[in-house]
Amino acid sequence: MSQYNVAVVGVGAVGEEILRVLSEHHFPAKSIKVLARTPRTICVDGKDYQVEATTAEAFDGVDIALFAGTEGEKGAAVTFGPGAAARGCVVIDNGADFRMRSDVPLVVPEVNADALIEHKGIIANPNCSTAQLVLTLKPIHDAFKIKRVLISTYQAVSGAGGAAVDELQAQTTALGEGRQISSPGPAFPVQIAANVIPQIGGFDDAGYTSEEMKLVHETRKILGDDSIAITPMITARVPVFVGHSESVYIETEKPITPNEARELWRAFPGLSVVDDIHADDPSLRYPTPLAAAHKDTTYVGRVRQDLGNKNGLTFWVVSDNLRKGAATNAVQIAEALVERGLVKRGA
């Protein structure tokens, strides 16, 4: 089997999780180079990694680079991604900078791995909430054709970075000790502990946030169908450390029953159905973010027929946002590239 020189760019929560997933999945890496703004040593699961400064030359000889750094025009992907691709490296970017470019595949491998064939050196990883959503939509869309989607998300603070996790931890500790929280921290506009914040990202002129519109545009691109009517009801930040939850309503062209949906999901890779509301064991009744933490699987449950529409279903989706929502999906893209012989080098 060929082995590949791999670079991981960024050593925040997602970057560290990528290193963890590469190891767990036994990815055929000849070498793993870790890059960030400043050199240092990090330890992930007892293994030390020497972090090098990110430079254009650092990508010489690298076959696959997984970017997990800062987004935007000054971020690593925009600054170094195109140059790395020009050096023959396949770039897999976890950020939003390339997702909606027509020449960049946006990929969840279980859903649209064939899109990788068209890559021109850069591949985009979708937003964490989109990744788990499209896993549940794909098999139903293929069998029954989805006409409409309504979605609300309840997203963990880890999706906003390490500072957000620290903020929730500090505020939760303060409340537990009976101390007042006089002002919110830098990560959120208001207190997050014991609270729900119905805003992720900035607002547009219609009042939707950037996070909400990602669900619309990214879902249509991944499923390859702009005709699907998608309404993001709300994207909310909740006081959970890891694991995004979603409440989803779909309307299909043909009538669909909960049992038909469950059977499709059970047969679809990456999904697990947890939906026995009569089970004595609470863990079998429905999925929760705590139960999904540190796992690659996306879980679906609470499946119900619309009370007034035989073509409508409502269900609940949970996934670890740092795993399938980010690191795992990126590594699975790399695995799919290798399986299809779409990496130019490797020895």
C-alpha atoms as a PDB file:
ATOM      1  CA  MET A   1       0.000   0.000   0.000  1.00  0.00           C
ATOM      2  CA  SER A   2       1.216   3.478  -0.842  1.00  0.00           C
ATOM      3  CA  GLN A   3       2.018   5.837   1.994  1.00  0.00           C
ATOM      4  CA  TYR A   4       1.597   9.588   1.963  1.00  0.00           C
ATOM      5  CA  ASN A   5       3.289  12.640   3.410  1.00  0.00           C
ATOM      6  CA  VAL A   6       0.580  14.463   5.361  1.00  0.00           C
ATOM      7  CA  ALA A   7       0.449  17.973   6.812  1.00  0.00           C
ATOM      8  CA  VAL A   8      -2.018  19.150   9.446  1.00  0.00           C
ATOM      9  CA  VAL A   9      -2.325  22.929   9.519  1.00  0.00           C
ATOM     10  CA  GLY A  10      -3.651  24.386  12.777  1.00  0.00           C
ATOM     11  CA  VAL A  11      -3.407  22.982  16.299  1.00  0.00           C
ATOM     12  CA  GLY A  12      -6.682  24.113  17.845  1.00  0.00           C
ATOM     13  CA  ALA A  13      -9.437  21.693  18.837  1.00  0.00           C
ATOM     14  CA  VAL A  14     -10.062  20.540  15.248  1.00  0.00           C
ATOM     15  CA  GLY A  15      -6.378  20.253  14.379  1.00  0.00           C
ATOM     16  CA  GLU A  16      -5.722  18.088  17.409  1.00  0.00           C
ATOM     17  CA  GLU A  17      -8.780  15.989  16.594  1.00  0.00           C
ATOM     18  CA  ILE A  18      -7.488  15.450  13.046  1.00  0.00           C
ATOM     19  CA  LEU A  19      -4.226  14.088  14.467  1.00  0.00           C
ATOM     20  CA  ARG A  20      -6.241  11.808  16.737  1.00  0.00           C
ATOM     21  CA  VAL A  21      -8.458  10.532  13.882  1.00  0.00           C
ATOM     22  CA  LEU A  22      -5.486   9.948  11.561  1.00  0.00           C
ATOM     23  CA  SER A  23      -4.034   7.689  14.241  1.00  0.00           C
ATOM     24  CA  GLU A  24      -7.299   5.916  15.085  1.00  0.00           C
ATOM     25  CA  HIS A  25      -8.105   5.270  11.417  1.00  0.00           C
ATOM     26  CA  HIS A  26      -4.550   4.026  10.723  1.00  0.00           C
ATOM     27  CA  PHE A  27      -4.291   6.389   7.778  1.00  0.00           C
ATOM     28  CA  PRO A  28      -1.355   5.323   5.535  1.00  0.00           C
ATOM     29  CA  ALA A  29       0.857   8.253   6.477  1.00  0.00           C
ATOM     30  CA  LYS A  30       4.548   8.007   5.747  1.00  0.00           C
ATOM     31  CA  SER A  31       5.012  11.208   7.726  1.00  0.00           C
ATOM     32  CA  ILE A  32       2.817  13.746   9.503  1.00  0.00           C
ATOM     33  CA  LYS A  33       3.974  17.352   9.573  1.00  0.00           C
ATOM     34  CA  VAL A  34       2.173  19.718  11.944  1.00  0.00           C
ATOM     35  CA  LEU A  35       2.082  23.407  11.007  1.00  0.00           C
ATOM     36  CA  ALA A  36       0.844  26.519  12.805  1.00  0.00           C
ATOM     37  CA  ARG A  37       1.638  30.207  13.167  1.00  0.00           C
ATOM     38  CA  THR A  38       4.440  29.606  15.665  1.00  0.00           C
ATOM     39  CA  PRO A  39       6.709  26.609  16.328  1.00  0.00           C
ATOM     40  CA  ARG A  40       6.158  24.670  19.546  1.00  0.00           C
ATOM     41  CA  THR A  41       5.566  21.171  20.865  1.00  0.00           C
ATOM     42  CA  ILE A  42       2.080  19.771  21.450  1.00  0.00           C
ATOM     43  CA  CYS A  43       0.991  16.476  22.992  1.00  0.00           C
ATOM     44  CA  VAL A  44      -2.045  14.578  21.706  1.00  0.00           C
ATOM     45  CA  ASP A  45      -3.005  11.351  23.490  1.00  0.00           C
ATOM     46  CA  GLY A  46       0.481  10.991  24.906  1.00  0.00           C
ATOM     47  CA  LYS A  47       2.283  11.559  21.619  1.00  0.00           C
ATOM     48  CA  ASP A  48       4.436  14.640  21.097  1.00  0.00           C
ATOM     49  CA  TYR A  49       4.325  16.550  17.822  1.00  0.00           C
ATOM     50  CA  GLN A  50       6.870  19.181  16.843  1.00  0.00           C
ATOM     51  CA  VAL A  51       4.937  22.077  15.344  1.00  0.00           C
ATOM     52  CA  GLU A  52       6.648  24.014  12.562  1.00  0.00           C
ATOM     53  CA  ALA A  53       5.852  27.503  11.339  1.00  0.00           C
ATOM     54  CA  THR A  54       3.525  27.542   8.325  1.00  0.00           C
ATOM     55  CA  THR A  55       5.387  28.720   5.248  1.00  0.00           C
ATOM     56  CA  ALA A  56       4.933  28.195   1.523  1.00  0.00           C
ATOM     57  CA  GLU A  57       7.999  25.958   1.454  1.00  0.00           C
ATOM     58  CA  ALA A  58       6.653  23.763   4.255  1.00  0.00           C
ATOM     59  CA  PHE A  59       4.355  22.112   1.705  1.00  0.00           C
ATOM     60  CA  ASP A  60       7.173  20.891  -0.544  1.00  0.00           C
ATOM     61  CA  GLY A  61       6.831  17.123  -0.772  1.00  0.00           C
ATOM     62  CA  VAL A  62       3.502  17.061   1.068  1.00  0.00           C
ATOM     63  CA  ASP A  63       0.875  14.865  -0.602  1.00  0.00           C
ATOM     64  CA  ILE A  64      -2.212  15.775   1.474  1.00  0.00           C
ATOM     65  CA  ALA A  65      -2.699  18.837   3.676  1.00  0.00           C
ATOM     66  CA  LEU A  66      -5.614  19.069   6.100  1.00  0.00           C
ATOM     67  CA  PHE A  67      -6.247  22.691   7.025  1.00  0.00           C
ATOM     68  CA  ALA A  68      -7.896  23.453  10.374  1.00  0.00           C
ATOM     69  CA  GLY A  69      -6.727  26.995  11.004  1.00  0.00           C
ATOM     70  CA  THR A  70      -8.289  30.431  11.026  1.00  0.00           C
ATOM     71  CA  GLU A  71     -10.719  31.355   8.267  1.00  0.00           C
ATOM     72  CA  GLY A  72     -10.707  34.557   6.214  1.00  0.00           C
ATOM     73  CA  GLU A  73      -8.311  36.404   3.976  1.00  0.00           C
ATOM     74  CA  LYS A  74      -5.532  36.292   6.602  1.00  0.00           C
ATOM     75  CA  GLY A  75      -6.184  32.654   7.498  1.00  0.00           C
ATOM     76  CA  ALA A  76      -3.918  29.758   6.662  1.00  0.00           C
ATOM     77  CA  ALA A  77      -6.122  28.208   3.966  1.00  0.00           C
ATOM     78  CA  VAL A  78      -6.437  31.378   1.913  1.00  0.00           C
ATOM     79  CA  THR A  79      -2.803  32.346   2.489  1.00  0.00           C
ATOM     80  CA  PHE A  80      -1.189  28.966   1.832  1.00  0.00           C
ATOM     81  CA  GLY A  81      -3.827  26.634   0.337  1.00  0.00           C
ATOM     82  CA  PRO A  82      -3.595  27.633  -3.350  1.00  0.00           C
ATOM     83  CA  GLY A  83       0.192  27.620  -3.189  1.00  0.00           C
ATOM     84  CA  ALA A  84       0.220  24.193  -1.584  1.00  0.00           C
ATOM     85  CA  ALA A  85      -2.067  22.893  -4.331  1.00  0.00           C
ATOM     86  CA  ALA A  86       0.240  24.387  -6.956  1.00  0.00           C
ATOM     87  CA  ARG A  87       3.070  22.349  -5.407  1.00  0.00           C
ATOM     88  CA  GLY A  88       1.107  19.153  -6.094  1.00  0.00           C
ATOM     89  CA  CYS A  89      -0.449  18.817  -2.651  1.00  0.00           C
ATOM     90  CA  VAL A  90      -4.168  18.003  -2.254  1.00  0.00           C
ATOM     91  CA  VAL A  91      -5.658  20.521   0.157  1.00  0.00           C
ATOM     92  CA  ILE A  92      -8.632  19.558   2.351  1.00  0.00           C
ATOM     93  CA  ASP A  93      -9.925  22.708   4.016  1.00  0.00           C
ATOM     94  CA  ASN A  94     -12.167  22.637   7.068  1.00  0.00           C
ATOM     95  CA  GLY A  95     -13.091  26.334   6.854  1.00  0.00           C
ATOM     96  CA  ALA A  96     -15.692  28.234   4.872  1.00  0.00           C
ATOM     97  CA  ASP A  97     -13.381  30.047   2.458  1.00  0.00           C
ATOM     98  CA  PHE A  98     -13.647  27.645  -0.496  1.00  0.00           C
ATOM     99  CA  ARG A  99     -16.946  25.821   0.136  1.00  0.00           C
ATOM    100  CA  MET A 100     -19.127  27.669  -2.329  1.00  0.00           C
ATOM    101  CA  ARG A 101     -16.587  28.078  -5.124  1.00  0.00           C
ATOM    102  CA  SER A 102     -17.844  26.319  -8.234  1.00  0.00           C
ATOM    103  CA  ASP A 103     -14.423  24.767  -8.913  1.00  0.00           C
ATOM    104  CA  VAL A 104     -14.060  23.294  -5.399  1.00  0.00           C
ATOM    105  CA  PRO A 105     -15.884  20.076  -4.428  1.00  0.00           C
ATOM    106  CA  LEU A 106     -17.773  20.254  -1.120  1.00  0.00           C
ATOM    107  CA  VAL A 107     -17.773  16.694   0.142  1.00  0.00           C
ATOM    108  CA  VAL A 108     -19.265  14.349   2.703  1.00  0.00           C
ATOM    109  CA  PRO A 109     -17.833  11.051   1.444  1.00  0.00           C
ATOM    110  CA  GLU A 110     -20.871   8.887   2.261  1.00  0.00           C
ATOM    111  CA  VAL A 111     -23.023  11.317   0.277  1.00  0.00           C
ATOM    112  CA  ASN A 112     -21.059  12.617  -2.716  1.00  0.00           C
ATOM    113  CA  ALA A 113     -17.579  11.099  -2.866  1.00  0.00           C
ATOM    114  CA  ASP A 114     -17.802  11.040  -6.678  1.00  0.00           C
ATOM    115  CA  ALA A 115     -17.409  14.833  -6.615  1.00  0.00           C
ATOM    116  CA  LEU A 116     -13.762  14.271  -5.644  1.00  0.00           C
ATOM    117  CA  ILE A 117     -13.003  13.194  -9.196  1.00  0.00           C
ATOM    118  CA  GLU A 118     -13.358  16.817 -10.301  1.00  0.00           C
ATOM    119  CA  HIS A 119     -10.997  18.283  -7.709  1.00  0.00           C
ATOM    120  CA  LYS A 120      -8.357  20.745  -8.876  1.00  0.00           C
ATOM    121  CA  GLY A 121      -6.168  20.597  -5.799  1.00  0.00           C
ATOM    122  CA  ILE A 122      -8.558  21.996  -3.171  1.00  0.00           C
ATOM    123  CA  ILE A 123     -11.476  20.190  -1.510  1.00  0.00           C
ATOM    124  CA  ALA A 124     -13.805  21.749   1.055  1.00  0.00           C
ATOM    125  CA  ASN A 125     -15.153  20.208   4.237  1.00  0.00           C
ATOM    126  CA  PRO A 126     -18.716  21.397   4.987  1.00  0.00           C
ATOM    127  CA  ASN A 127     -19.898  23.217   8.064  1.00  0.00           C
ATOM    128  CA  CYS A 128     -20.315  20.891  11.045  1.00  0.00           C
ATOM    129  CA  SER A 129     -24.100  21.226  11.184  1.00  0.00           C
ATOM    130  CA  THR A 130     -24.399  20.592   7.429  1.00  0.00           C
ATOM    131  CA  ALA A 131     -22.339  17.395   7.542  1.00  0.00           C
ATOM    132  CA  GLN A 132     -24.664  15.578   9.924  1.00  0.00           C
ATOM    133  CA  LEU A 133     -27.777  16.939   8.224  1.00  0.00           C
ATOM    134  CA  VAL A 134     -26.950  15.723   4.716  1.00  0.00           C
ATOM    135  CA  LEU A 135     -26.207  12.215   5.973  1.00  0.00           C
ATOM    136  CA  THR A 136     -29.858  11.910   6.997  1.00  0.00           C
ATOM    137  CA  LEU A 137     -31.245  13.649   3.914  1.00  0.00           C
ATOM    138  CA  LYS A 138     -29.321  11.776   1.208  1.00  0.00           C
ATOM    139  CA  PRO A 139     -30.963   8.316   1.415  1.00  0.00           C
ATOM    140  CA  ILE A 140     -34.444   9.819   1.738  1.00  0.00           C
ATOM    141  CA  HIS A 141     -33.858  12.244  -1.110  1.00  0.00           C
ATOM    142  CA  ASP A 142     -32.737   9.389  -3.370  1.00  0.00           C
ATOM    143  CA  ALA A 143     -35.773   7.243  -2.543  1.00  0.00           C
ATOM    144  CA  PHE A 144     -38.568   9.772  -2.007  1.00  0.00           C
ATOM    145  CA  LYS A 145     -37.211  13.138  -3.295  1.00  0.00           C
ATOM    146  CA  ILE A 146     -37.205  15.830  -0.631  1.00  0.00           C
ATOM    147  CA  LYS A 147     -39.091  18.988  -1.546  1.00  0.00           C
ATOM    148  CA  ARG A 148     -38.718  20.982   1.667  1.00  0.00           C
ATOM    149  CA  VAL A 149     -36.533  21.047   4.778  1.00  0.00           C
ATOM    150  CA  LEU A 150     -37.069  23.010   8.003  1.00  0.00           C
ATOM    151  CA  ILE A 151     -34.204  22.847  10.479  1.00  0.00           C
ATOM    152  CA  SER A 152     -33.227  24.191  13.888  1.00  0.00           C
ATOM    153  CA  THR A 153     -29.791  23.480  15.337  1.00  0.00           C
ATOM    154  CA  TYR A 154     -28.595  23.391  18.940  1.00  0.00           C
ATOM    155  CA  GLN A 155     -24.853  23.702  18.677  1.00  0.00           C
ATOM    156  CA  ALA A 156     -22.117  22.984  21.216  1.00  0.00           C
ATOM    157  CA  VAL A 157     -19.675  25.694  22.242  1.00  0.00           C
ATOM    158  CA  SER A 158     -16.686  23.734  20.896  1.00  0.00           C
ATOM    159  CA  GLY A 159     -17.890  24.768  17.446  1.00  0.00           C
ATOM    160  CA  ALA A 160     -16.790  28.285  18.363  1.00  0.00           C
ATOM    161  CA  GLY A 161     -13.273  27.248  19.383  1.00  0.00           C
ATOM    162  CA  GLY A 162     -11.228  26.612  22.480  1.00  0.00           C
ATOM    163  CA  ALA A 163     -11.893  30.028  24.012  1.00  0.00           C
ATOM    164  CA  ALA A 164     -15.632  29.306  23.918  1.00  0.00           C
ATOM    165  CA  VAL A 165     -15.120  25.998  25.737  1.00  0.00           C
ATOM    166  CA  ASP A 166     -13.059  27.775  28.392  1.00  0.00           C
ATOM    167  CA  GLU A 167     -15.746  30.439  28.725  1.00  0.00           C
ATOM    168  CA  LEU A 168     -18.518  27.916  29.333  1.00  0.00           C
ATOM    169  CA  GLN A 169     -16.337  26.041  31.813  1.00  0.00           C
ATOM    170  CA  ALA A 170     -15.477  29.178  33.746  1.00  0.00           C
ATOM    171  CA  GLN A 171     -19.061  30.444  33.834  1.00  0.00           C
ATOM    172  CA  THR A 172     -20.431  27.035  34.842  1.00  0.00           C
ATOM    173  CA  THR A 173     -17.908  26.844  37.676  1.00  0.00           C
ATOM    174  CA  ALA A 174     -18.837  30.335  38.813  1.00  0.00           C
ATOM    175  CA  LEU A 175     -22.535  29.515  38.899  1.00  0.00           C
ATOM    176  CA  GLY A 176     -21.838  26.283  40.754  1.00  0.00           C
ATOM    177  CA  GLU A 177     -19.947  28.217  43.397  1.00  0.00           C
ATOM    178  CA  GLY A 178     -22.768  30.704  43.731  1.00  0.00           C
ATOM    179  CA  ARG A 179     -20.847  33.567  42.136  1.00  0.00           C
ATOM    180  CA  GLN A 180     -22.416  36.156  39.844  1.00  0.00           C
ATOM    181  CA  ILE A 181     -21.286  36.467  36.236  1.00  0.00           C
ATOM    182  CA  SER A 182     -20.953  40.211  35.900  1.00  0.00           C
ATOM    183  CA  SER A 183     -20.289  40.328  32.158  1.00  0.00           C
ATOM    184  CA  PRO A 184     -20.037  37.887  29.252  1.00  0.00           C
ATOM    185  CA  GLY A 185     -16.659  36.687  28.054  1.00  0.00           C
ATOM    186  CA  PRO A 186     -15.037  37.367  24.692  1.00  0.00           C
ATOM    187  CA  ALA A 187     -16.488  34.324  22.901  1.00  0.00           C
ATOM    188  CA  PHE A 188     -20.221  35.134  23.136  1.00  0.00           C
ATOM    189  CA  PRO A 189     -22.253  38.364  23.244  1.00  0.00           C
ATOM    190  CA  VAL A 190     -24.163  37.225  26.337  1.00  0.00           C
ATOM    191  CA  GLN A 191     -23.648  34.651  29.086  1.00  0.00           C
ATOM    192  CA  ILE A 192     -23.633  31.100  27.699  1.00  0.00           C
ATOM    193  CA  ALA A 193     -23.807  29.084  30.935  1.00  0.00           C
ATOM    194  CA  ALA A 194     -27.428  28.192  31.818  1.00  0.00           C
ATOM    195  CA  ASN A 195     -28.517  30.000  28.672  1.00  0.00           C
ATOM    196  CA  VAL A 196     -29.332  29.547  24.961  1.00  0.00           C
ATOM    197  CA  ILE A 197     -28.103  32.082  22.400  1.00  0.00           C
ATOM    198  CA  PRO A 198     -30.197  32.190  19.186  1.00  0.00           C
ATOM    199  CA  GLN A 199     -27.367  33.575  17.064  1.00  0.00           C
ATOM    200  CA  ILE A 200     -24.370  31.948  15.400  1.00  0.00           C
ATOM    201  CA  GLY A 201     -22.599  34.254  12.962  1.00  0.00           C
ATOM    202  CA  GLY A 202     -23.544  37.708  11.747  1.00  0.00           C
ATOM    203  CA  PHE A 203     -26.975  38.738  10.493  1.00  0.00           C
ATOM    204  CA  ASP A 204     -27.849  39.491   6.876  1.00  0.00           C
ATOM    205  CA  ASP A 205     -30.428  42.037   5.691  1.00  0.00           C
ATOM    206  CA  ALA A 206     -33.234  39.466   5.973  1.00  0.00           C
ATOM    207  CA  GLY A 207     -32.340  38.651   9.574  1.00  0.00           C
ATOM    208  CA  TYR A 208     -30.756  35.250   8.912  1.00  0.00           C
ATOM    209  CA  THR A 209     -27.310  34.487  10.315  1.00  0.00           C
ATOM    210  CA  SER A 210     -24.339  33.316   8.278  1.00  0.00           C
ATOM    211  CA  GLU A 211     -24.549  29.926  10.035  1.00  0.00           C
ATOM    212  CA  GLU A 212     -28.177  29.564   8.977  1.00  0.00           C
ATOM    213  CA  MET A 213     -27.434  30.365   5.360  1.00  0.00           C
ATOM    214  CA  LYS A 214     -24.586  27.829   5.305  1.00  0.00           C
ATOM    215  CA  LEU A 215     -27.203  25.153   5.899  1.00  0.00           C
ATOM    216  CA  VAL A 216     -29.114  26.326   2.841  1.00  0.00           C
ATOM    217  CA  HIS A 217     -26.300  26.733   0.346  1.00  0.00           C
ATOM    218  CA  GLU A 218     -24.065  23.862   1.455  1.00  0.00           C
ATOM    219  CA  THR A 219     -26.878  21.307   1.656  1.00  0.00           C
ATOM    220  CA  ARG A 220     -28.034  22.092  -1.885  1.00  0.00           C
ATOM    221  CA  LYS A 221     -24.487  21.894  -3.227  1.00  0.00           C
ATOM    222  CA  ILE A 222     -23.682  18.566  -1.568  1.00  0.00           C
ATOM    223  CA  LEU A 223     -26.979  16.978  -2.627  1.00  0.00           C
ATOM    224  CA  GLY A 224     -26.665  18.524  -6.084  1.00  0.00           C
ATOM    225  CA  ASP A 225     -30.207  19.893  -6.047  1.00  0.00           C
ATOM    226  CA  ASP A 226     -30.993  23.609  -5.881  1.00  0.00           C
ATOM    227  CA  SER A 227     -34.720  22.905  -6.046  1.00  0.00           C
ATOM    228  CA  ILE A 228     -34.941  21.837  -2.393  1.00  0.00           C
ATOM    229  CA  ALA A 229     -36.674  24.536  -0.335  1.00  0.00           C
ATOM    230  CA  ILE A 230     -34.625  24.881   2.866  1.00  0.00           C
ATOM    231  CA  THR A 231     -35.644  27.105   5.764  1.00  0.00           C
ATOM    232  CA  PRO A 232     -33.186  27.445   8.651  1.00  0.00           C
ATOM    233  CA  MET A 233     -35.538  28.114  11.558  1.00  0.00           C
ATOM    234  CA  ILE A 234     -32.755  28.966  14.006  1.00  0.00           C
ATOM    235  CA  THR A 235     -29.158  28.106  14.756  1.00  0.00           C
ATOM    236  CA  ALA A 236     -28.654  28.372  18.503  1.00  0.00           C
ATOM    237  CA  ARG A 237     -25.609  28.014  20.727  1.00  0.00           C
ATOM    238  CA  VAL A 238     -26.365  25.884  23.788  1.00  0.00           C
ATOM    239  CA  PRO A 239     -24.324  25.210  26.971  1.00  0.00           C
ATOM    240  CA  VAL A 240     -23.019  21.841  25.761  1.00  0.00           C
ATOM    241  CA  PHE A 241     -19.301  21.239  25.345  1.00  0.00           C
ATOM    242  CA  VAL A 242     -19.314  18.762  22.423  1.00  0.00           C
ATOM    243  CA  GLY A 243     -22.048  17.564  20.077  1.00  0.00           C
ATOM    244  CA  HIS A 244     -24.486  19.381  17.816  1.00  0.00           C
ATOM    245  CA  SER A 245     -28.200  18.500  17.861  1.00  0.00           C
ATOM    246  CA  GLU A 246     -30.718  19.251  15.127  1.00  0.00           C
ATOM    247  CA  SER A 247     -34.495  19.196  14.881  1.00  0.00           C
ATOM    248  CA  VAL A 248     -35.441  18.506  11.268  1.00  0.00           C
ATOM    249  CA  TYR A 249     -38.702  18.504   9.314  1.00  0.00           C
ATOM    250  CA  ILE A 250     -38.826  17.211   5.759  1.00  0.00           C
ATOM    251  CA  GLU A 251     -41.559  17.058   3.143  1.00  0.00           C
ATOM    252  CA  THR A 252     -41.127  14.525   0.357  1.00  0.00           C
ATOM    253  CA  GLU A 253     -42.604  14.193  -3.115  1.00  0.00           C
ATOM    254  CA  LYS A 254     -43.951  10.712  -2.321  1.00  0.00           C
ATOM    255  CA  PRO A 255     -45.556   9.647   0.958  1.00  0.00           C
ATOM    256  CA  ILE A 256     -43.074   8.332   3.507  1.00  0.00           C
ATOM    257  CA  THR A 257     -43.484   6.567   6.839  1.00  0.00           C
ATOM    258  CA  PRO A 258     -41.163   6.625   9.867  1.00  0.00           C
ATOM    259  CA  ASN A 259     -40.378   2.930   9.364  1.00  0.00           C
ATOM    260  CA  GLU A 260     -39.374   3.509   5.753  1.00  0.00           C
ATOM    261  CA  ALA A 261     -37.054   6.310   6.860  1.00  0.00           C
ATOM    262  CA  ARG A 262     -35.541   4.174   9.629  1.00  0.00           C
ATOM    263  CA  GLU A 263     -34.788   1.347   7.208  1.00  0.00           C
ATOM    264  CA  LEU A 264     -33.083   3.716   4.795  1.00  0.00           C
ATOM    265  CA  TRP A 265     -30.986   5.197   7.584  1.00  0.00           C
ATOM    266  CA  ARG A 266     -30.005   1.804   8.999  1.00  0.00           C
ATOM    267  CA  ALA A 267     -28.638   0.823   5.593  1.00  0.00           C
ATOM    268  CA  PHE A 268     -26.741   4.089   5.077  1.00  0.00           C
ATOM    269  CA  PRO A 269     -23.061   4.318   6.090  1.00  0.00           C
ATOM    270  CA  GLY A 270     -22.207   6.641   8.960  1.00  0.00           C
ATOM    271  CA  LEU A 271     -25.700   6.626  10.456  1.00  0.00           C
ATOM    272  CA  SER A 272     -27.163   4.837  13.463  1.00  0.00           C
ATOM    273  CA  VAL A 273     -30.850   4.839  14.422  1.00  0.00           C
ATOM    274  CA  VAL A 274     -31.590   5.285  18.144  1.00  0.00           C
ATOM    275  CA  ASP A 275     -35.370   5.445  18.294  1.00  0.00           C
ATOM    276  CA  ASP A 276     -37.097   3.154  20.770  1.00  0.00           C
ATOM    277  CA  ILE A 277     -39.130   5.491  22.964  1.00  0.00           C
ATOM    278  CA  HIS A 278     -40.454   2.531  24.992  1.00  0.00           C
ATOM    279  CA  ALA A 279     -37.025   1.127  25.881  1.00  0.00           C
ATOM    280  CA  ASP A 280     -36.223   0.656  29.572  1.00  0.00           C
ATOM    281  CA  ASP A 281     -32.700   1.878  28.884  1.00  0.00           C
ATOM    282  CA  PRO A 282     -32.866   5.670  28.304  1.00  0.00           C
ATOM    283  CA  SER A 283     -29.835   5.497  26.006  1.00  0.00           C
ATOM    284  CA  LEU A 284     -31.917   3.485  23.512  1.00  0.00           C
ATOM    285  CA  ARG A 285     -34.838   5.919  23.419  1.00  0.00           C
ATOM    286  CA  TYR A 286     -33.157   8.773  21.546  1.00  0.00           C
ATOM    287  CA  PRO A 287     -29.664  10.123  20.822  1.00  0.00           C
ATOM    288  CA  THR A 288     -28.044  12.863  22.894  1.00  0.00           C
ATOM    289  CA  PRO A 289     -24.893  14.902  22.307  1.00  0.00           C
ATOM    290  CA  LEU A 290     -23.246  13.398  25.384  1.00  0.00           C
ATOM    291  CA  ALA A 291     -23.745   9.880  24.016  1.00  0.00           C
ATOM    292  CA  ALA A 292     -22.422  10.931  20.594  1.00  0.00           C
ATOM    293  CA  ALA A 293     -19.267  12.589  21.935  1.00  0.00           C
ATOM    294  CA  HIS A 294     -15.937  11.174  20.705  1.00  0.00           C
ATOM    295  CA  LYS A 295     -17.645   8.987  18.099  1.00  0.00           C
ATOM    296  CA  ASP A 296     -17.590   9.169  14.291  1.00  0.00           C
ATOM    297  CA  THR A 297     -21.208   8.073  13.906  1.00  0.00           C
ATOM    298  CA  THR A 298     -24.179  10.387  13.363  1.00  0.00           C
ATOM    299  CA  TYR A 299     -27.292   9.364  15.292  1.00  0.00           C
ATOM    300  CA  VAL A 300     -30.938   9.880  14.351  1.00  0.00           C
ATOM    301  CA  GLY A 301     -34.107   9.336  16.391  1.00  0.00           C
ATOM    302  CA  ARG A 302     -37.462  10.759  17.539  1.00  0.00           C
ATOM    303  CA  VAL A 303     -38.831   9.998  14.065  1.00  0.00           C
ATOM    304  CA  ARG A 304     -42.497  10.986  13.685  1.00  0.00           C
ATOM    305  CA  GLN A 305     -45.050  11.360  10.936  1.00  0.00           C
ATOM    306  CA  ASP A 306     -46.347  14.878  10.408  1.00  0.00           C
ATOM    307  CA  LEU A 307     -49.756  15.015  12.062  1.00  0.00           C
ATOM    308  CA  GLY A 308     -51.346  16.585   9.005  1.00  0.00           C
ATOM    309  CA  ASN A 309     -49.177  15.539   6.076  1.00  0.00           C
ATOM    310  CA  LYS A 310     -48.433  11.962   4.983  1.00  0.00           C
ATOM    311  CA  ASN A 311     -45.449  13.297   3.042  1.00  0.00           C
ATOM    312  CA  GLY A 312     -43.892  14.908   6.127  1.00  0.00           C
ATOM    313  CA  LEU A 313     -41.503  13.603   8.791  1.00  0.00           C
ATOM    314  CA  THR A 314     -39.881  15.167  11.842  1.00  0.00           C
ATOM    315  CA  PHE A 315     -36.720  13.756  13.414  1.00  0.00           C
ATOM    316  CA  TRP A 316     -33.727  14.512  15.681  1.00  0.00           C
ATOM    317  CA  VAL A 317     -30.060  14.281  14.609  1.00  0.00           C
ATOM    318  CA  VAL A 318     -26.981  14.308  16.847  1.00  0.00           C
ATOM    319  CA  SER A 319     -23.272  14.159  16.026  1.00  0.00           C
ATOM    320  CA  ASP A 320     -19.903  15.086  17.523  1.00  0.00           C
ATOM    321  CA  ASN A 321     -19.136  18.370  15.797  1.00  0.00           C
ATOM    322  CA  LEU A 322     -15.380  17.967  16.204  1.00  0.00           C
ATOM    323  CA  ARG A 323     -15.463  14.473  14.695  1.00  0.00           C
ATOM    324  CA  LYS A 324     -17.927  13.932  11.820  1.00  0.00           C
ATOM    325  CA  GLY A 325     -18.573  17.671  11.740  1.00  0.00           C
ATOM    326  CA  ALA A 326     -14.894  18.410  11.127  1.00  0.00           C
ATOM    327  CA  ALA A 327     -11.904  16.111  11.721  1.00  0.00           C
ATOM    328  CA  THR A 328     -13.402  12.729  10.852  1.00  0.00           C
ATOM    329  CA  ASN A 329     -14.994  14.011   7.658  1.00  0.00           C
ATOM    330  CA  ALA A 330     -11.682  15.583   6.588  1.00  0.00           C
ATOM    331  CA  VAL A 331      -9.801  12.337   7.167  1.00  0.00           C
ATOM    332  CA  GLN A 332     -12.539  10.384   5.379  1.00  0.00           C
ATOM    333  CA  ILE A 333     -12.093  12.695   2.392  1.00  0.00           C
ATOM    334  CA  ALA A 334      -8.379  11.868   2.428  1.00  0.00           C
ATOM    335  CA  GLU A 335      -9.203   8.156   2.641  1.00  0.00           C
ATOM    336  CA  ALA A 336     -11.617   8.445  -0.284  1.00  0.00           C
ATOM    337  CA  LEU A 337      -8.963  10.232  -2.348  1.00  0.00           C
ATOM    338  CA  VAL A 338      -6.498   7.422  -1.669  1.00  0.00           C
ATOM    339  CA  GLU A 339      -9.057   4.711  -2.470  1.00  0.00           C
ATOM    340  CA  ARG A 340      -9.817   6.358  -5.810  1.00  0.00           C
ATOM    341  CA  GLY A 341      -6.200   7.041  -6.727  1.00  0.00           C
ATOM    342  CA  LEU A 342      -6.771  10.793  -6.755  1.00  0.00           C
ATOM    343  CA  VAL A 343      -3.578  11.766  -4.920  1.00  0.00           C
ATOM    344  CA  LYS A 344      -0.783  12.433  -7.414  1.00  0.00           C
ATOM    345  CA  ARG A 345       2.105  11.279  -5.261  1.00  0.00           C
ATOM    346  CA  GLY A 346       2.644   8.771  -2.495  1.00  0.00           C
ATOM    347  CA  ALA A 347       5.234   6.026  -2.231  1.00  0.00           C
END
